[in-house]
Protein backbone atom coordinates (compact mmCIF):
# COMPACT_ATOMS: atom_id res chain seq x y z
CA UNK A 1 41.04 24.17 -2.33
CA UNK A 2 44.81 23.89 -2.89
CA UNK A 3 45.95 20.45 -1.75
CA UNK A 4 49.30 21.89 -0.68
CA UNK A 5 47.48 23.87 2.01
CA UNK A 6 45.80 20.77 3.44
CA UNK A 7 47.37 18.60 6.12
CA UNK A 8 46.98 14.84 5.70
CA UNK A 9 46.10 14.39 9.37
CA UNK A 10 43.43 17.09 9.18
CA UNK A 11 41.77 15.36 6.24
CA UNK A 12 42.03 11.98 7.97
CA UNK A 13 40.12 13.43 10.91
CA UNK A 14 37.26 14.30 8.54
CA UNK A 15 36.77 10.68 7.48
CA UNK A 16 34.48 8.04 8.92
CA UNK A 17 35.89 4.85 7.42
CA UNK A 18 32.82 2.91 6.30
CA UNK A 19 32.50 -0.80 7.06
CA UNK A 20 28.80 -1.24 6.32
CA UNK A 21 28.59 -3.55 3.32
CA UNK A 22 26.39 -6.52 4.25
CA UNK A 23 28.87 -9.16 3.09
CA UNK A 24 31.74 -8.02 5.33
CA UNK A 25 33.12 -10.72 7.62
CA UNK A 26 34.77 -10.36 11.01
CA UNK A 27 38.12 -10.58 9.26
CA UNK A 28 37.08 -7.69 7.00
CA UNK A 29 36.04 -5.73 10.08
CA UNK A 30 39.39 -6.27 11.78
CA UNK A 31 41.30 -5.28 8.65
CA UNK A 32 39.15 -2.17 8.33
CA UNK A 33 39.76 -1.21 11.94
CA UNK A 34 43.50 -1.69 11.45
CA UNK A 35 43.40 0.57 8.39
CA UNK A 36 41.44 3.20 10.31
CA UNK A 37 43.98 3.11 13.13
CA UNK A 38 46.92 3.27 10.72
CA UNK A 39 45.56 6.41 9.04
CA UNK A 40 44.20 7.84 12.33
CA UNK A 41 40.80 8.73 10.86
CA UNK A 42 37.95 10.27 12.82
CA UNK A 43 36.00 7.05 13.20
CA UNK A 44 34.89 3.78 11.76
CA UNK A 45 31.21 3.41 10.92
CA UNK A 46 30.29 -0.22 11.45
CA UNK A 47 27.19 -2.36 11.51
CA UNK A 48 25.47 -2.64 14.92
CA UNK A 49 26.55 -6.26 15.25
CA UNK A 50 30.20 -5.16 14.97
CA UNK A 51 30.24 -2.27 17.46
CA UNK A 52 31.56 -4.17 20.48
CA UNK A 53 34.38 -5.80 18.49
CA UNK A 54 35.34 -2.52 16.82
CA UNK A 55 35.35 -0.73 20.17
CA UNK A 56 37.71 -3.36 21.55
CA UNK A 57 40.03 -3.18 18.55
CA UNK A 58 40.21 0.63 18.58
CA UNK A 59 40.16 1.27 22.32
CA UNK A 60 43.69 2.68 22.51
CA UNK A 61 43.90 4.38 19.12
CA UNK A 62 41.96 7.66 19.27
CA UNK A 63 39.69 6.44 16.46
CA UNK A 64 36.05 6.61 17.48
CA UNK A 65 33.40 3.98 16.79
CA UNK A 66 30.19 4.93 15.05
CA UNK A 67 27.26 2.85 13.90
CA UNK A 68 23.94 3.12 12.13
CA UNK A 69 20.37 3.27 13.40
CA UNK A 70 17.29 2.43 11.34
CA UNK A 71 19.59 1.59 8.45
CA UNK A 72 19.20 1.82 5.50
CA UNK A 73 15.53 2.74 5.05
CA UNK A 74 14.68 4.65 8.24
CA UNK A 75 11.44 2.72 8.53
CA UNK A 76 11.87 1.12 11.96
CA UNK A 77 9.53 2.13 14.75
CA UNK A 78 10.90 4.96 16.87
CA UNK A 79 11.01 2.67 19.91
CA UNK A 80 13.12 0.22 17.94
CA UNK A 81 15.49 2.99 16.81
CA UNK A 82 15.88 4.10 20.43
CA UNK A 83 16.55 0.53 21.57
CA UNK A 84 19.07 0.08 18.76
CA UNK A 85 20.77 3.34 19.72
CA UNK A 86 21.00 2.39 23.40
CA UNK A 87 22.35 -1.07 22.61
CA UNK A 88 25.03 0.42 20.35
CA UNK A 89 26.01 2.98 22.96
CA UNK A 90 26.27 0.26 25.59
CA UNK A 91 28.56 -1.67 23.24
CA UNK A 92 30.90 1.32 22.92
CA UNK A 93 29.62 3.49 20.06
CA UNK A 94 30.41 7.21 20.24
CA UNK A 95 28.44 8.35 17.19
CA UNK A 96 25.09 7.32 15.71
CA UNK A 97 24.17 7.78 12.04
CA UNK A 98 20.38 7.44 12.01
CA UNK A 99 18.17 7.33 8.93
CA UNK A 100 15.15 9.58 9.22
CA UNK A 101 11.76 8.16 8.26
CA UNK A 102 11.96 8.89 4.53
CA UNK A 103 8.38 8.07 3.64
CA UNK A 104 6.95 10.16 6.47
CA UNK A 105 9.08 13.13 5.39
CA UNK A 106 7.93 12.79 1.79
CA UNK A 107 4.35 12.54 3.01
CA UNK A 108 4.57 15.82 4.91
CA UNK A 109 4.37 14.27 8.39
CA UNK A 110 6.95 16.63 9.82
CA UNK A 111 5.98 16.21 13.47
CA UNK A 112 6.47 12.45 13.23
CA UNK A 113 9.88 12.90 11.61
CA UNK A 114 11.01 15.41 14.24
CA UNK A 115 9.82 13.24 17.12
CA UNK A 116 11.64 10.22 15.68
CA UNK A 117 14.92 12.14 15.44
CA UNK A 118 14.51 13.73 18.85
CA UNK A 119 13.97 10.36 20.53
CA UNK A 120 17.30 9.07 19.21
CA UNK A 121 19.02 12.33 20.10
CA UNK A 122 17.76 12.02 23.67
CA UNK A 123 19.11 8.47 23.93
CA UNK A 124 22.47 9.64 22.58
CA UNK A 125 22.67 12.54 25.01
CA UNK A 126 22.56 10.10 27.91
CA UNK A 127 25.92 8.78 26.67
CA UNK A 128 27.24 12.12 25.35
CA UNK A 129 27.24 10.69 21.85
CA UNK A 130 26.74 12.51 18.55
CA UNK A 131 23.80 11.99 16.19
CA UNK A 132 24.02 12.39 12.42
CA UNK A 133 20.72 12.34 10.56
CA UNK A 134 20.83 10.61 7.17
CA UNK A 135 18.37 12.06 4.65
CA UNK A 136 18.88 9.77 1.65
CA UNK A 137 18.77 12.67 -0.77
CA UNK A 138 18.36 10.43 -3.83
CA UNK A 139 14.68 10.16 -2.93
CA UNK A 140 14.02 13.77 -1.88
CA UNK A 141 13.07 17.03 -3.56
CA UNK A 142 14.83 20.28 -2.73
CA UNK A 143 11.95 21.30 -0.49
CA UNK A 144 12.08 17.98 1.34
CA UNK A 145 15.82 18.34 1.91
CA UNK A 146 15.32 21.82 3.34
CA UNK A 147 12.55 20.59 5.63
CA UNK A 148 14.77 17.71 6.76
CA UNK A 149 17.49 20.21 7.66
CA UNK A 150 15.05 22.28 9.69
CA UNK A 151 13.57 19.27 11.49
CA UNK A 152 17.00 17.83 12.31
CA UNK A 153 18.06 21.15 13.79
CA UNK A 154 14.91 21.45 15.85
CA UNK A 155 15.37 17.90 17.14
CA UNK A 156 18.87 18.68 18.40
CA UNK A 157 20.95 16.53 16.06
CA UNK A 158 24.63 17.30 15.57
CA UNK A 159 25.02 16.57 11.86
CA UNK A 160 22.95 16.18 8.73
CA UNK A 161 24.17 13.56 6.26
CA UNK A 162 23.43 13.15 2.58
CA UNK A 163 23.08 9.43 2.03
CA UNK A 164 23.45 5.86 3.22
CA UNK A 165 25.60 4.88 0.26
CA UNK A 166 23.01 2.24 -0.72
CA UNK A 167 20.58 4.40 -2.72
CA UNK A 168 20.74 5.07 -6.50
CA UNK A 169 22.94 8.13 -5.92
CA UNK A 170 24.94 9.69 -3.12
CA UNK A 171 26.46 13.01 -2.12
CA UNK A 172 26.62 15.96 -4.50
CA UNK A 173 28.31 19.32 -4.10
CA UNK A 174 24.98 21.03 -4.69
CA UNK A 175 23.36 19.10 -1.84
CA UNK A 176 26.22 19.96 0.51
CA UNK A 177 25.72 23.67 -0.22
CA UNK A 178 21.97 23.36 0.24
CA UNK A 179 22.28 21.53 3.56
CA UNK A 180 24.96 23.87 4.92
CA UNK A 181 22.73 26.85 4.11
CA UNK A 182 19.70 25.37 5.87
CA UNK A 183 21.01 24.08 9.19
CA UNK A 184 21.95 26.16 12.25
CA UNK A 185 25.59 27.27 12.52
CA UNK A 186 26.21 24.77 15.34
CA UNK A 187 25.34 21.83 13.08
CA UNK A 188 27.72 20.14 10.68
CA UNK A 189 27.28 18.39 7.34
CA UNK A 190 28.48 14.90 6.44
CA UNK A 191 28.84 13.74 2.85
CA UNK A 192 28.49 10.06 2.08
CA UNK A 193 27.93 7.98 -1.00
CA UNK A 194 30.39 8.23 -3.88
CA UNK A 195 33.12 10.28 -2.18
CA UNK A 196 36.00 8.30 -3.63
CA UNK A 197 38.57 10.90 -4.67
CA UNK A 198 40.59 13.58 -2.96
CA UNK A 199 39.49 16.25 -5.43
CA UNK A 200 35.80 15.60 -4.76
CA UNK A 201 36.37 15.55 -1.01
CA UNK A 202 38.15 18.91 -1.10
CA UNK A 203 35.44 20.39 -3.31
CA UNK A 204 32.86 19.30 -0.76
CA UNK A 205 34.90 20.81 2.08
CA UNK A 206 34.68 24.13 0.27
CA UNK A 207 30.93 23.62 -0.13
CA UNK A 208 30.50 23.13 3.62
CA UNK A 209 31.06 19.47 4.52
CA UNK A 210 33.27 18.66 7.48
CA UNK A 211 32.87 14.87 7.73
CA UNK A 212 32.87 12.18 5.07
CA UNK A 213 31.77 8.59 4.92
CA UNK A 214 34.27 6.75 2.73
CA UNK A 215 35.43 3.30 1.76
CA UNK A 216 38.27 4.72 -0.38
CA UNK A 217 40.02 6.09 2.71
CA UNK A 218 43.49 4.81 1.89
CA UNK A 219 43.34 5.98 -1.73
CA UNK A 220 42.21 9.48 -0.74
CA UNK A 221 44.84 9.96 1.97
CA UNK A 222 47.65 8.35 -0.01
CA UNK A 223 46.85 10.67 -2.92
CA UNK A 224 47.05 13.71 -0.68
CA UNK A 225 50.35 12.57 0.84
CA UNK A 226 51.81 11.98 -2.62
CA UNK A 227 50.70 15.37 -3.90
CA UNK A 228 52.16 17.14 -0.89
CA UNK A 229 55.44 15.27 -1.26
CA UNK A 230 55.65 16.25 -4.93
CA UNK A 231 54.81 19.91 -4.36
CA UNK A 232 57.68 22.40 -4.87
């Protein structure tokens, strides 16, 4: 993709600015929210404990607040995931990035995986919120990734997502293509984990991703702005 054909604002609205590292303080959260507002990104993705504060900080900015459910291993009971989702929505979250039950998927327990996703989707629908299902592709075979796409679609999720960012590896262009090819047209694909450069982001857009989890938000968008300014 030619960077001169890409608008900085359009790319910003593909980014969920990630504020999920366990050591982040409230000061870090506030600085991250300020950065997200300054660049007018799609959303911040914060820890559940930070949702209410982020929602307050970003209430007049147009930047949405997202959070995680069952993070990072996906191994919480479904009832706990639903309770976590509802608490986050009550605190002001607009988007939920839930981790599917990785071990159950790998074990072939597809009905359990689908029911788990569907329960969170139902909770989100009550608040008209979006659900992104995190696969954690570092641990999955190609067949398991395809099955996860199918199950997420059947459960009514809005996005499939490559990774938490805390596994041995993150998003790849090949995985984006695979996921885009195996979800319904209505669903979207989010890349997360290792998307730190503009060139990689644009390559993944071409492969089918339309949302990105990133901590290198400023570097990516500043690079694009500089390239556009230097273009003849």
